[in-house]
Amino acid sequence: MTPETRDISDGSDITIVGGGLAGLTAAIACAEGGARVTLHEAHREPGGRARSTTAPYVANDGTHVFYSDGEPWRWLAARGLVRPHTGLTPGMLARGRFRHGGRLSGMPPRSLLKALTRRRLRAPVDETFGTWATRHFGEEGMRAVTGLVGVITYDAAPGRLSAAFVWERVLRATAPKYPAPRYVIGGWGRVIDRMAAHARRLGVRIETGSRVDRLPEDTPVIVATSLDAARTLLGDESLRWESGKAVLLDLGLRESPGDLFLVSDLDEGGFMERYSLPDPSLAPDGHSLCQLQMPVRPGETKAEAISRVERVADLGLPGWRERTTWRREATCNGRTGALDLPGTTWRDRPAIDRGDGVWLIGDAVAAPGLLSEVSSHSALIAAEAALRAVSGAGRPASRLTA
């Protein structure tokens, strides 16, 4: 779909439930298609998991980053919703380290480098990544690769997942070209603010503090909530899918020359990034904003997982405890995007089209992409289908003509 609008027939109302990244994408796309759109958001402001904290330390709800080599980024950029932004520089990368065998190194281990040269390999859907990768890269190489993708999967044991699922993400995150990650100045909350303002300019009515307990009967509906919320709203117990679990630790602290930019913990799948290095607006002058993530092991308590991620902070931010002026802890459970087990692909996840004029979107449905890209892709697919419905093509009679 393009930014240009098109005329459709009268009565072209579309309701969207949920005002996160997926819901706002769908709202903009539907409004660009000429529909009258009402978006209901249960919280006081839109954003969902794309919200950011308020100053002086502006932290995303997790270790977020956009990838500029994907269609969702291009869609946002075409509408001016991700400017200004910045990317990685050689200087930043020089302040990155890998934790392997309990020690930090400026270079990844040879076993990981060797695995990443095998880019022509095609991984099977039906086999676990652990089994497939051990056969091709050896035990050490497999463990290094699974440690690398801990930040992408939010899972303590990525080796149990589909080999095709994990390898696709490895190849995307390590593409041998100028690094694709992009940082929107001001954090993801700025993107949400721009999306909401753009939606309103297109005529979208955004109703905040509006909790929907029952779907409207007179319009197509796009449900842009978590699977848990959608399961209740739609009364469909089948709306379940595997997801990750991780602890998050955000730190605001006084700067020190010894602070690293990032630490990729290949031993335990943890990750640390100093987000205020590419975007100084996220912290006061002379201070840093750092965000850390650690997958939670089965049976592990939050306190135990936090203790492990603090050890990553010890490595990347020497003396951080004495310099900390702000701290936030959280647990992400079942809200970190879809994970595909052996024998499944994104096509097997809960379908976007639920029938009877209802579409389901988000980061755990049947759409391709990396992490939040699934939300954007599913939103555009649902918006196109809803626009066809209100224009008369494929109109579901039981709901839209009642």
Protein backbone atom coordinates (compact mmCIF):
# COMPACT_ATOMS: atom_id res chain seq x y z
CA MET A 1 0.00 0.00 0.00
CA THR A 2 1.18 3.53 -0.75
CA PRO A 3 0.72 6.87 1.05
CA GLU A 4 -1.83 7.99 -1.57
CA THR A 5 -5.50 7.67 -0.58
CA ARG A 6 -8.24 6.21 -2.74
CA ASP A 7 -12.01 6.64 -2.68
CA ILE A 8 -14.19 3.79 -1.48
CA SER A 9 -17.91 3.50 -0.90
CA ASP A 10 -19.91 5.16 1.88
CA GLY A 11 -20.11 3.30 5.17
CA SER A 12 -16.38 2.58 5.07
CA ASP A 13 -15.78 2.42 8.82
CA ILE A 14 -13.04 0.22 10.31
CA THR A 15 -12.48 -0.36 14.02
CA ILE A 16 -9.04 -1.10 15.44
CA VAL A 17 -8.55 -2.45 18.96
CA GLY A 18 -5.09 -1.66 20.31
CA GLY A 19 -2.83 1.31 19.70
CA GLY A 20 0.66 -0.13 19.65
CA LEU A 21 2.97 -0.30 16.65
CA ALA A 22 0.68 -2.78 14.88
CA GLY A 23 -2.54 -0.90 15.59
CA LEU A 24 -1.17 2.47 14.50
CA THR A 25 0.30 0.96 11.33
CA ALA A 26 -3.08 -0.54 10.48
CA ALA A 27 -4.88 2.71 11.29
CA ILE A 28 -2.63 4.74 9.01
CA ALA A 29 -2.88 2.22 6.18
CA CYS A 30 -6.67 2.03 6.44
CA ALA A 31 -7.01 5.82 6.56
CA GLU A 32 -4.72 6.18 3.55
CA GLY A 33 -7.09 3.79 1.78
CA GLY A 34 -9.99 6.17 2.41
CA ALA A 35 -11.67 4.45 5.36
CA ARG A 36 -13.06 6.16 8.45
CA VAL A 37 -11.05 4.64 11.27
CA THR A 38 -11.63 4.52 15.00
CA LEU A 39 -8.81 3.17 17.16
CA HIS A 40 -9.43 2.12 20.77
CA GLU A 41 -6.47 2.07 23.17
CA ALA A 42 -7.01 0.88 26.74
CA HIS A 43 -4.12 2.89 28.18
CA ARG A 44 -3.91 6.65 28.59
CA GLU A 45 -1.65 6.94 25.56
CA PRO A 46 -0.92 4.79 22.52
CA GLY A 47 2.28 2.83 22.08
CA GLY A 48 1.96 -0.56 23.72
CA ARG A 49 5.39 -2.18 23.94
CA ALA A 50 6.85 0.57 21.77
CA ARG A 51 6.46 3.19 24.50
CA SER A 52 9.50 4.84 26.07
CA THR A 53 10.04 6.29 29.52
CA THR A 54 10.03 10.03 30.09
CA ALA A 55 13.15 12.13 30.56
CA PRO A 56 15.73 12.45 32.00
CA TYR A 57 16.41 8.83 30.96
CA VAL A 58 14.46 7.76 27.89
CA ALA A 59 14.44 3.96 27.76
CA ASN A 60 12.52 1.80 25.33
CA ASP A 61 10.44 -1.06 26.71
CA GLY A 62 13.24 -3.52 25.99
CA THR A 63 16.33 -3.54 23.79
CA HIS A 64 14.60 -2.21 20.68
CA VAL A 65 16.22 -1.42 17.35
CA PHE A 66 14.94 -0.98 13.81
CA TYR A 67 16.50 -2.83 10.86
CA SER A 68 16.78 -0.60 7.81
CA ASP A 69 16.92 -3.51 5.36
CA GLY A 70 13.30 -4.51 5.99
CA GLU A 71 10.03 -3.42 4.43
CA PRO A 72 8.54 -2.09 7.72
CA TRP A 73 11.40 0.43 8.01
CA ARG A 74 10.89 1.52 4.41
CA TRP A 75 7.16 1.95 5.04
CA LEU A 76 7.81 4.15 8.09
CA ALA A 77 10.56 6.10 6.33
CA ALA A 78 8.33 6.83 3.31
CA ARG A 79 5.99 8.67 5.67
CA GLY A 80 8.70 10.57 7.53
CA LEU A 81 7.96 8.72 10.78
CA VAL A 82 11.52 7.67 11.67
CA ARG A 83 13.46 10.89 11.08
CA PRO A 84 15.88 11.89 12.39
CA HIS A 85 17.77 8.66 12.97
CA THR A 86 21.33 7.43 13.18
CA GLY A 87 23.21 4.18 12.68
CA LEU A 88 26.27 2.38 13.94
CA THR A 89 29.72 3.79 13.29
CA PRO A 90 33.13 2.09 13.31
CA GLY A 91 33.92 3.93 16.54
CA MET A 92 30.89 2.45 18.25
CA LEU A 93 31.65 -1.04 17.01
CA ALA A 94 35.21 -0.67 18.29
CA ARG A 95 33.71 -0.32 21.77
CA GLY A 96 31.82 -3.60 21.46
CA ARG A 97 32.92 -6.84 23.09
CA PHE A 98 31.99 -10.52 23.08
CA ARG A 99 31.84 -12.55 26.26
CA HIS A 100 33.06 -16.06 25.57
CA GLY A 101 34.47 -18.55 28.02
CA GLY A 102 33.96 -16.04 30.82
CA ARG A 103 36.24 -13.43 29.22
CA LEU A 104 35.72 -10.35 27.05
CA SER A 105 37.22 -10.07 23.60
CA GLY A 106 37.01 -7.49 20.87
CA MET A 107 36.63 -10.26 18.30
CA PRO A 108 34.10 -13.08 18.21
CA PRO A 109 35.52 -16.58 18.80
CA ARG A 110 36.84 -18.46 15.80
CA SER A 111 34.05 -21.00 16.11
CA LEU A 112 31.44 -18.27 15.61
CA LEU A 113 33.29 -16.66 12.70
CA LYS A 114 33.61 -20.04 11.04
CA ALA A 115 29.88 -20.68 11.42
CA LEU A 116 29.01 -17.29 9.95
CA THR A 117 31.01 -18.02 6.80
CA ARG A 118 28.62 -20.87 6.00
CA ARG A 119 25.94 -18.49 4.81
CA ARG A 120 24.91 -20.65 1.86
CA LEU A 121 23.67 -23.37 4.19
CA ARG A 122 19.91 -23.84 4.28
CA ALA A 123 18.57 -25.00 7.61
CA PRO A 124 15.62 -27.41 7.84
CA VAL A 125 12.31 -26.54 9.45
CA ASP A 126 11.79 -29.94 11.10
CA GLU A 127 15.09 -30.21 12.99
CA THR A 128 16.19 -28.38 16.14
CA PHE A 129 18.82 -25.74 15.63
CA GLY A 130 21.01 -27.39 18.27
CA THR A 131 21.15 -30.69 16.40
CA TRP A 132 21.57 -29.14 12.96
CA ALA A 133 24.17 -26.56 14.02
CA THR A 134 26.24 -29.08 15.98
CA ARG A 135 26.44 -31.25 12.87
CA HIS A 136 27.64 -28.33 10.74
CA PHE A 137 29.57 -26.12 13.18
CA GLY A 138 30.49 -28.42 16.05
CA GLU A 139 29.37 -28.13 19.66
CA GLU A 140 31.36 -24.97 20.36
CA GLY A 141 30.15 -23.23 17.22
CA MET A 142 26.54 -24.13 17.97
CA ARG A 143 26.78 -22.71 21.49
CA ALA A 144 28.37 -19.49 20.26
CA VAL A 145 25.64 -18.97 17.68
CA THR A 146 22.83 -19.64 20.16
CA GLY A 147 24.45 -17.18 22.56
CA LEU A 148 24.50 -14.58 19.82
CA VAL A 149 20.75 -14.86 19.14
CA GLY A 150 19.70 -14.68 22.78
CA VAL A 151 18.98 -10.98 22.31
CA ILE A 152 16.77 -11.73 19.28
CA THR A 153 14.85 -14.71 20.67
CA TYR A 154 14.63 -13.74 24.36
CA ASP A 155 15.02 -17.46 24.94
CA ALA A 156 17.53 -19.24 27.18
CA ALA A 157 17.75 -22.28 24.89
CA PRO A 158 17.47 -21.25 21.21
CA GLY A 159 18.94 -24.64 20.28
CA ARG A 160 15.50 -26.17 20.91
CA LEU A 161 13.87 -24.01 18.21
CA SER A 162 13.46 -24.77 14.53
CA ALA A 163 16.81 -24.69 12.75
CA ALA A 164 15.30 -22.67 9.90
CA PHE A 165 13.87 -20.09 12.32
CA VAL A 166 17.13 -19.50 14.19
CA TRP A 167 19.44 -19.58 11.17
CA GLU A 168 17.29 -17.06 9.29
CA ARG A 169 17.69 -14.64 12.20
CA VAL A 170 21.40 -15.26 12.46
CA LEU A 171 21.87 -14.45 8.78
CA ARG A 172 19.71 -11.32 9.02
CA ALA A 173 21.47 -9.94 12.11
CA THR A 174 24.96 -10.60 10.71
CA ALA A 175 24.46 -9.58 7.10
CA PRO A 176 27.92 -8.74 5.63
CA LYS A 177 27.18 -5.15 4.69
CA TYR A 178 27.00 -1.82 6.47
CA PRO A 179 25.16 -2.55 9.73
CA ALA A 180 21.40 -2.29 9.29
CA PRO A 181 20.36 -1.27 12.86
CA ARG A 182 18.91 2.23 13.08
CA TYR A 183 18.29 4.34 16.16
CA VAL A 184 15.50 6.90 15.97
CA ILE A 185 16.59 10.00 17.85
CA GLY A 186 14.51 10.30 21.00
CA GLY A 187 13.60 6.62 21.23
CA TRP A 188 10.70 4.55 19.96
CA GLY A 189 8.26 6.73 21.86
CA ARG A 190 8.99 9.49 19.34
CA VAL A 191 8.02 7.15 16.51
CA ILE A 192 4.74 6.38 18.27
CA ASP A 193 4.05 10.09 18.79
CA ARG A 194 4.63 10.76 15.09
CA MET A 195 2.50 7.81 14.04
CA ALA A 196 -0.38 8.93 16.26
CA ALA A 197 -0.14 12.51 14.99
CA HIS A 198 0.02 11.30 11.38
CA ALA A 199 -2.99 9.06 11.94
CA ARG A 200 -5.00 11.94 13.38
CA ARG A 201 -4.09 14.16 10.41
CA LEU A 202 -5.51 11.43 8.18
CA GLY A 203 -8.75 11.57 10.17
CA VAL A 204 -8.26 8.58 12.49
CA ARG A 205 -10.17 8.95 15.73
CA ILE A 206 -7.94 7.68 18.54
CA GLU A 207 -9.83 7.00 21.76
CA THR A 208 -7.46 6.43 24.70
CA GLY A 209 -8.57 4.93 28.01
CA SER A 210 -11.07 2.96 25.92
CA ARG A 211 -11.12 -0.72 26.82
CA VAL A 212 -13.06 -2.91 24.37
CA ASP A 213 -14.67 -5.99 25.94
CA ARG A 214 -16.88 -6.88 23.01
CA LEU A 215 -16.28 -6.52 19.29
CA PRO A 216 -18.54 -4.08 17.41
CA GLU A 217 -20.99 -5.77 15.09
CA ASP A 218 -21.30 -3.09 12.40
CA THR A 219 -17.73 -2.62 11.14
CA PRO A 220 -14.73 -4.71 10.19
CA VAL A 221 -12.44 -5.06 13.21
CA ILE A 222 -8.66 -5.33 13.38
CA VAL A 223 -7.53 -6.67 16.74
CA ALA A 224 -4.05 -5.38 17.54
CA THR A 225 -3.49 -6.82 21.01
CA SER A 226 -1.34 -9.52 22.59
CA LEU A 227 -2.41 -13.10 21.98
CA ASP A 228 -3.50 -13.35 25.62
CA ALA A 229 -5.82 -10.37 25.29
CA ALA A 230 -7.06 -11.51 21.88
CA ARG A 231 -7.80 -14.97 23.24
CA THR A 232 -10.18 -13.41 25.77
CA LEU A 233 -11.68 -10.84 23.42
CA LEU A 234 -12.32 -13.33 20.62
CA GLY A 235 -13.12 -16.25 22.91
CA ASP A 236 -10.67 -18.43 21.02
CA GLU A 237 -8.46 -20.71 23.11
CA SER A 238 -6.41 -21.66 20.06
CA LEU A 239 -4.70 -18.24 20.07
CA ARG A 240 -1.46 -19.42 21.63
CA TRP A 241 2.14 -19.57 20.42
CA GLU A 242 5.60 -20.08 21.84
CA SER A 243 7.35 -16.92 23.01
CA GLY A 244 10.41 -16.01 25.05
CA LYS A 245 11.05 -14.93 28.62
CA ALA A 246 13.78 -12.55 29.72
CA VAL A 247 14.63 -10.02 32.38
CA LEU A 248 15.37 -6.43 31.45
CA LEU A 249 17.64 -4.09 33.37
CA ASP A 250 17.79 -0.40 32.47
CA LEU A 251 20.45 1.82 34.03
CA GLY A 252 20.99 5.56 34.05
CA LEU A 253 24.48 6.34 35.30
CA ARG A 254 27.26 8.87 35.27
CA GLU A 255 29.56 8.38 32.30
CA SER A 256 32.97 6.78 32.60
CA PRO A 257 35.70 6.46 29.94
CA GLY A 258 35.78 2.71 30.56
CA ASP A 259 32.16 2.10 29.56
CA LEU A 260 31.67 -0.13 26.53
CA PHE A 261 29.05 0.41 23.85
CA LEU A 262 27.78 -3.17 23.84
CA VAL A 263 28.49 -6.62 25.20
CA SER A 264 27.17 -9.71 23.41
CA ASP A 265 27.20 -12.49 25.99
CA LEU A 266 27.83 -15.65 23.99
CA ASP A 267 28.07 -17.70 27.18
CA GLU A 268 24.55 -17.05 28.48
CA GLY A 269 22.67 -15.20 25.74
CA GLY A 270 22.68 -11.87 27.56
CA PHE A 271 23.17 -8.46 26.02
CA MET A 272 24.11 -4.93 27.04
CA GLU A 273 23.93 -1.78 24.95
CA ARG A 274 24.67 1.85 25.79
CA TYR A 275 21.88 3.47 23.80
CA SER A 276 22.94 7.00 24.65
CA LEU A 277 26.13 6.60 22.62
CA PRO A 278 24.36 6.77 19.22
CA ASP A 279 21.62 8.99 20.69
CA PRO A 280 22.86 11.33 23.46
CA SER A 281 19.36 12.80 23.85
CA LEU A 282 18.36 9.70 25.85
CA ALA A 283 20.32 10.80 28.94
CA PRO A 284 21.37 14.06 30.62
CA ASP A 285 24.75 15.54 29.77
CA GLY A 286 27.54 13.54 31.36
CA HIS A 287 25.29 10.51 31.85
CA SER A 288 24.55 7.29 29.96
CA LEU A 289 21.47 5.19 29.36
CA CYS A 290 22.24 1.46 29.21
CA GLN A 291 19.76 -1.35 28.59
CA LEU A 292 20.48 -4.99 29.35
CA GLN A 293 18.65 -8.23 28.66
CA MET A 294 19.08 -11.80 29.90
CA PRO A 295 16.94 -14.82 28.92
CA VAL A 296 15.42 -16.54 31.94
CA ARG A 297 16.26 -20.21 32.39
CA PRO A 298 13.51 -22.75 33.20
CA GLY A 299 12.78 -22.64 36.93
CA GLU A 300 14.96 -19.58 37.46
CA THR A 301 13.65 -16.71 39.60
CA LYS A 302 13.68 -13.10 38.50
CA ALA A 303 16.26 -12.31 41.16
CA GLU A 304 18.57 -15.04 39.89
CA ALA A 305 18.27 -13.84 36.29
CA ILE A 306 18.85 -10.22 37.37
CA SER A 307 21.99 -11.35 39.18
CA ARG A 308 23.28 -12.90 35.95
CA VAL A 309 22.56 -9.80 33.87
CA GLU A 310 24.27 -7.66 36.51
CA ARG A 311 27.43 -9.66 35.86
CA VAL A 312 27.22 -8.52 32.24
CA ALA A 313 26.97 -4.95 33.52
CA ASP A 314 30.09 -5.59 35.63
CA LEU A 315 31.97 -6.46 32.46
CA GLY A 316 30.74 -3.63 30.27
CA LEU A 317 30.29 -0.83 32.81
CA PRO A 318 33.03 -1.06 35.46
CA GLY A 319 31.93 0.43 38.78
CA TRP A 320 28.38 0.97 37.56
CA ARG A 321 26.78 0.44 40.96
CA GLU A 322 28.43 3.51 42.44
CA ARG A 323 27.52 5.61 39.39
CA THR A 324 23.86 4.61 38.99
CA THR A 325 21.29 7.38 39.36
CA TRP A 326 18.29 5.55 37.84
CA ARG A 327 17.36 1.89 37.58
CA ARG A 328 14.42 -0.10 36.22
CA GLU A 329 13.83 -3.86 36.22
CA ALA A 330 11.20 -5.83 34.34
CA THR A 331 10.35 -9.32 33.17
CA CYS A 332 9.24 -9.96 29.58
CA ASN A 333 7.17 -13.13 29.49
CA GLY A 334 5.20 -14.11 26.41
CA ARG A 335 5.49 -10.63 24.90
CA THR A 336 8.72 -10.93 22.99
CA GLY A 337 7.49 -12.12 19.60
CA ALA A 338 6.87 -15.56 18.18
CA LEU A 339 9.31 -18.46 18.41
CA ASP A 340 8.90 -21.31 15.94
CA LEU A 341 9.49 -24.81 17.28
CA PRO A 342 10.71 -27.63 15.01
CA GLY A 343 8.12 -28.49 12.39
CA THR A 344 6.56 -25.01 12.35
CA THR A 345 7.11 -21.78 10.44
CA TRP A 346 5.52 -18.35 10.59
CA ARG A 347 2.75 -19.67 8.35
CA ASP A 348 1.61 -22.01 11.15
CA ARG A 349 1.09 -19.22 13.70
CA PRO A 350 -2.42 -17.88 14.46
CA ALA A 351 -3.97 -16.67 11.22
CA ILE A 352 -4.45 -12.97 10.56
CA ASP A 353 -7.88 -13.47 8.98
CA ARG A 354 -10.18 -14.78 11.72
CA GLY A 355 -13.22 -14.73 9.44
CA ASP A 356 -16.50 -12.83 9.79
CA GLY A 357 -14.83 -9.45 9.28
CA VAL A 358 -12.19 -9.82 12.02
CA TRP A 359 -8.41 -9.70 11.58
CA LEU A 360 -5.72 -10.33 14.18
CA ILE A 361 -2.35 -8.58 14.05
CA GLY A 362 0.75 -8.40 16.25
CA ASP A 363 4.17 -9.97 16.69
CA ALA A 364 2.96 -13.56 17.11
CA VAL A 365 0.71 -14.08 14.09
CA ALA A 366 1.16 -15.59 10.63
CA ALA A 367 3.35 -12.93 9.02
CA PRO A 368 7.07 -12.88 8.20
CA GLY A 369 9.73 -10.64 9.69
CA LEU A 370 12.11 -10.12 12.57
CA LEU A 371 10.57 -9.29 15.97
CA SER A 372 8.45 -6.10 15.60
CA GLU A 373 8.48 -6.45 11.81
CA VAL A 374 5.87 -9.19 12.21
CA SER A 375 3.55 -6.58 13.76
CA SER A 376 4.03 -4.19 10.84
CA HIS A 377 3.68 -6.84 8.15
CA SER A 378 0.53 -8.29 9.69
CA ALA A 379 -0.95 -4.81 10.09
CA LEU A 380 -0.52 -4.00 6.40
CA ILE A 381 -1.97 -7.38 5.37
CA ALA A 382 -5.01 -6.87 7.62
CA ALA A 383 -5.51 -3.27 6.48
CA GLU A 384 -5.55 -4.29 2.84
CA ALA A 385 -8.10 -7.02 3.56
CA ALA A 386 -10.31 -4.70 5.64
CA LEU A 387 -10.27 -2.08 2.89
CA ARG A 388 -11.38 -4.69 0.37
CA ALA A 389 -14.21 -5.63 2.71
CA VAL A 390 -15.57 -2.11 3.15
CA SER A 391 -15.23 -1.36 -0.56
CA GLY A 392 -17.60 -4.24 -1.27
CA ALA A 393 -15.13 -6.83 -2.53
CA GLY A 394 -15.28 -9.82 -0.27
CA ARG A 395 -17.63 -8.06 2.19
CA PRO A 396 -18.49 -10.51 5.03
CA ALA A 397 -22.27 -10.42 5.03
CA SER A 398 -22.92 -11.74 8.54
CA ARG A 399 -21.18 -8.78 10.18
CA LEU A 400 -21.12 -5.90 7.74
CA THR A 401 -24.70 -6.03 6.45
CA ALA A 402 -26.40 -6.66 9.77
